[in-house]
Amino acid sequence: MTLGSAMNAQADYFSRVIRQAGGLVLLALVPAVFTAGFHPRRPAWSQDEIRVPEVTWSAAQRWRGWVLPVDARSSAAFASQHLPGALPLNEAQWEEQLPAVINAWRPGARVLVYCASQGCETSQSVARRLQREMGIGDVFVLKGGWSAWLDAQPQRR
């Protein structure tokens, strides 16, 4: 075997190894892409998809320290009834209502955002904006919203 043919044989061997490795990578890539796109616990692709942690009313009642309830429902719903001590902050009136929330918030305080019910996504949106735009870290969403709070009240049972 000459030096040239040995080098060609070696190049053919490495070429086959690279093709096989590339095939394995492509084979693994198909299920990985499918999982990344459709798995229920996949990571969020954008900041807007990140879910703020939800807490039940009973868990929130056990919190120590100061808690700022934030009502993400419409101004009319807030005017009708709201959690004791809650401040209104909805996306329709964000600019007008935000200063009161900023003035009431204290470092280390937890913010508990709620909207009408379990299916309402407004609380998630308002909570994300508080985290993103105001840099507030301890923001939570009341699981079940206003409806869950009403159901937890003794006179409603």
Protein backbone atom coordinates (compact mmCIF):
# COMPACT_ATOMS: atom_id res chain seq x y z
CA MET A 1 0.00 0.00 0.00
CA THR A 2 1.40 3.34 -0.99
CA LEU A 3 1.33 6.48 1.09
CA GLY A 4 -1.27 8.04 -1.21
CA SER A 5 -3.62 5.09 -1.04
CA ALA A 6 -3.22 4.90 2.77
CA MET A 7 -4.15 8.57 3.05
CA ASN A 8 -7.17 8.03 0.78
CA ALA A 9 -8.29 5.06 2.89
CA GLN A 10 -7.90 7.13 6.05
CA ALA A 11 -9.84 10.05 4.49
CA ASP A 12 -12.60 7.64 3.43
CA TYR A 13 -12.75 6.24 6.96
CA PHE A 14 -13.05 9.72 8.55
CA SER A 15 -15.60 10.74 5.95
CA ARG A 16 -17.76 7.70 6.84
CA VAL A 17 -17.40 8.44 10.58
CA ILE A 18 -18.43 12.08 10.08
CA ARG A 19 -21.44 11.06 7.92
CA GLN A 20 -22.54 8.51 10.51
CA ALA A 21 -22.12 11.00 13.38
CA GLY A 22 -24.06 13.59 11.40
CA GLY A 23 -26.81 11.05 10.78
CA LEU A 24 -27.02 10.27 14.49
CA VAL A 25 -27.19 13.97 15.33
CA LEU A 26 -30.03 14.48 12.83
CA LEU A 27 -31.79 11.40 14.15
CA ALA A 28 -31.63 12.77 17.71
CA LEU A 29 -32.60 16.27 16.58
CA VAL A 30 -36.06 15.25 15.32
CA PRO A 31 -37.48 14.13 18.70
CA ALA A 32 -35.64 16.96 20.49
CA VAL A 33 -37.29 19.60 18.31
CA PHE A 34 -40.67 17.94 18.69
CA THR A 35 -40.28 17.84 22.49
CA ALA A 36 -39.10 21.45 22.66
CA GLY A 37 -42.10 22.59 20.68
CA PHE A 38 -44.91 20.53 22.17
CA HIS A 39 -43.98 19.23 25.61
CA PRO A 40 -46.30 20.66 28.32
CA ARG A 41 -43.35 21.52 30.57
CA ARG A 42 -41.16 23.01 27.87
CA PRO A 43 -39.26 26.19 28.71
CA ALA A 44 -40.85 29.47 27.65
CA TRP A 45 -39.59 30.86 24.37
CA SER A 46 -40.38 34.44 25.26
CA GLN A 47 -40.78 36.54 28.40
CA ASP A 48 -44.54 36.79 27.81
CA GLU A 49 -45.00 33.02 28.07
CA ILE A 50 -43.34 32.72 31.47
CA ARG A 51 -46.00 31.95 34.05
CA VAL A 52 -45.94 33.74 37.37
CA PRO A 53 -46.29 31.26 40.25
CA GLU A 54 -49.84 30.74 41.48
CA VAL A 55 -50.77 30.37 45.14
CA THR A 56 -54.03 29.36 46.76
CA TRP A 57 -55.80 31.71 49.13
CA SER A 58 -55.12 29.38 52.07
CA ALA A 59 -51.37 29.40 51.28
CA ALA A 60 -51.32 33.19 50.93
CA GLN A 61 -53.01 33.54 54.32
CA ARG A 62 -50.06 31.76 55.94
CA TRP A 63 -47.54 34.27 54.57
CA ARG A 64 -45.66 36.31 57.14
CA GLY A 65 -44.90 39.96 56.47
CA TRP A 66 -46.62 42.52 54.38
CA VAL A 67 -48.64 41.48 51.31
CA LEU A 68 -49.92 43.91 48.69
CA PRO A 69 -53.06 42.61 46.94
CA VAL A 70 -53.43 43.92 43.39
CA ASP A 71 -56.78 43.69 41.60
CA ALA A 72 -56.29 43.19 37.86
CA ARG A 73 -60.01 43.24 37.08
CA SER A 74 -61.80 46.18 35.50
CA SER A 75 -62.19 49.40 37.45
CA ALA A 76 -65.94 48.80 37.69
CA ALA A 77 -65.42 45.34 39.22
CA PHE A 78 -62.89 46.79 41.67
CA ALA A 79 -65.28 49.59 42.63
CA SER A 80 -68.01 47.03 43.28
CA GLN A 81 -65.93 44.76 45.56
CA HIS A 82 -62.31 43.83 46.11
CA LEU A 83 -59.97 42.12 48.57
CA PRO A 84 -59.34 44.15 51.73
CA GLY A 85 -56.39 46.49 51.15
CA ALA A 86 -56.23 45.76 47.42
CA LEU A 87 -55.24 48.36 44.87
CA PRO A 88 -56.55 48.40 41.29
CA LEU A 89 -54.06 47.81 38.46
CA ASN A 90 -55.42 46.70 35.11
CA GLU A 91 -53.81 46.98 31.70
CA ALA A 92 -56.45 49.37 30.37
CA GLN A 93 -55.53 51.97 33.00
CA TRP A 94 -51.96 50.92 33.73
CA GLU A 95 -50.40 54.40 33.55
CA GLU A 96 -53.02 55.99 35.82
CA GLN A 97 -53.12 53.20 38.42
CA LEU A 98 -49.45 52.20 38.61
CA PRO A 99 -48.25 55.14 40.77
CA ALA A 100 -50.51 54.11 43.67
CA VAL A 101 -49.16 50.55 43.52
CA ILE A 102 -45.56 51.81 43.44
CA ASN A 103 -46.20 54.08 46.43
CA ALA A 104 -47.80 51.25 48.42
CA TRP A 105 -45.18 48.59 47.61
CA ARG A 106 -42.25 48.07 49.98
CA PRO A 107 -39.05 46.11 49.34
CA GLY A 108 -39.49 42.56 50.60
CA ALA A 109 -43.28 42.69 50.31
CA ARG A 110 -45.11 40.06 48.34
CA VAL A 111 -47.52 41.16 45.65
CA LEU A 112 -50.63 39.01 45.16
CA VAL A 113 -52.34 39.72 41.83
CA TYR A 114 -55.84 38.45 41.13
CA CYS A 115 -58.50 38.73 38.46
CA ALA A 116 -62.02 37.34 38.16
CA SER A 117 -61.57 33.56 38.11
CA GLN A 118 -59.35 30.59 37.29
CA GLY A 119 -59.73 31.08 33.53
CA CYS A 120 -58.76 34.75 33.64
CA GLU A 121 -55.27 35.42 32.26
CA THR A 122 -55.29 39.12 33.12
CA SER A 123 -53.62 38.50 36.48
CA GLN A 124 -50.74 36.68 34.77
CA SER A 125 -50.26 39.57 32.37
CA VAL A 126 -50.31 42.22 35.10
CA ALA A 127 -47.99 40.14 37.31
CA ARG A 128 -45.47 39.71 34.47
CA ARG A 129 -45.50 43.45 33.79
CA LEU A 130 -44.84 44.18 37.47
CA GLN A 131 -41.89 41.82 37.39
CA ARG A 132 -40.52 42.98 34.06
CA GLU A 133 -41.16 46.73 34.16
CA MET A 134 -40.93 47.42 37.89
CA GLY A 135 -38.38 44.77 38.85
CA ILE A 136 -40.55 43.39 41.64
CA GLY A 137 -39.45 39.84 42.38
CA ASP A 138 -42.01 38.46 44.82
CA VAL A 139 -45.09 38.56 42.59
CA PHE A 140 -47.68 35.80 42.75
CA VAL A 141 -51.07 35.14 41.17
CA LEU A 142 -54.03 34.11 43.30
CA LYS A 143 -55.13 30.74 41.97
CA GLY A 144 -58.83 30.96 41.11
CA GLY A 145 -58.81 34.74 41.47
CA TRP A 146 -61.66 36.71 43.00
CA SER A 147 -63.98 33.69 42.77
CA ALA A 148 -61.63 31.57 44.88
CA TRP A 149 -61.39 34.30 47.50
CA LEU A 150 -65.18 34.61 47.68
CA ASP A 151 -65.54 30.83 48.01
CA ALA A 152 -63.05 30.83 50.91
CA GLN A 153 -65.05 33.34 52.95
CA PRO A 154 -66.91 31.76 55.87
CA GLN A 155 -70.25 33.44 55.11
CA ARG A 156 -70.21 31.96 51.58
CA ARG A 157 -69.82 28.33 52.64
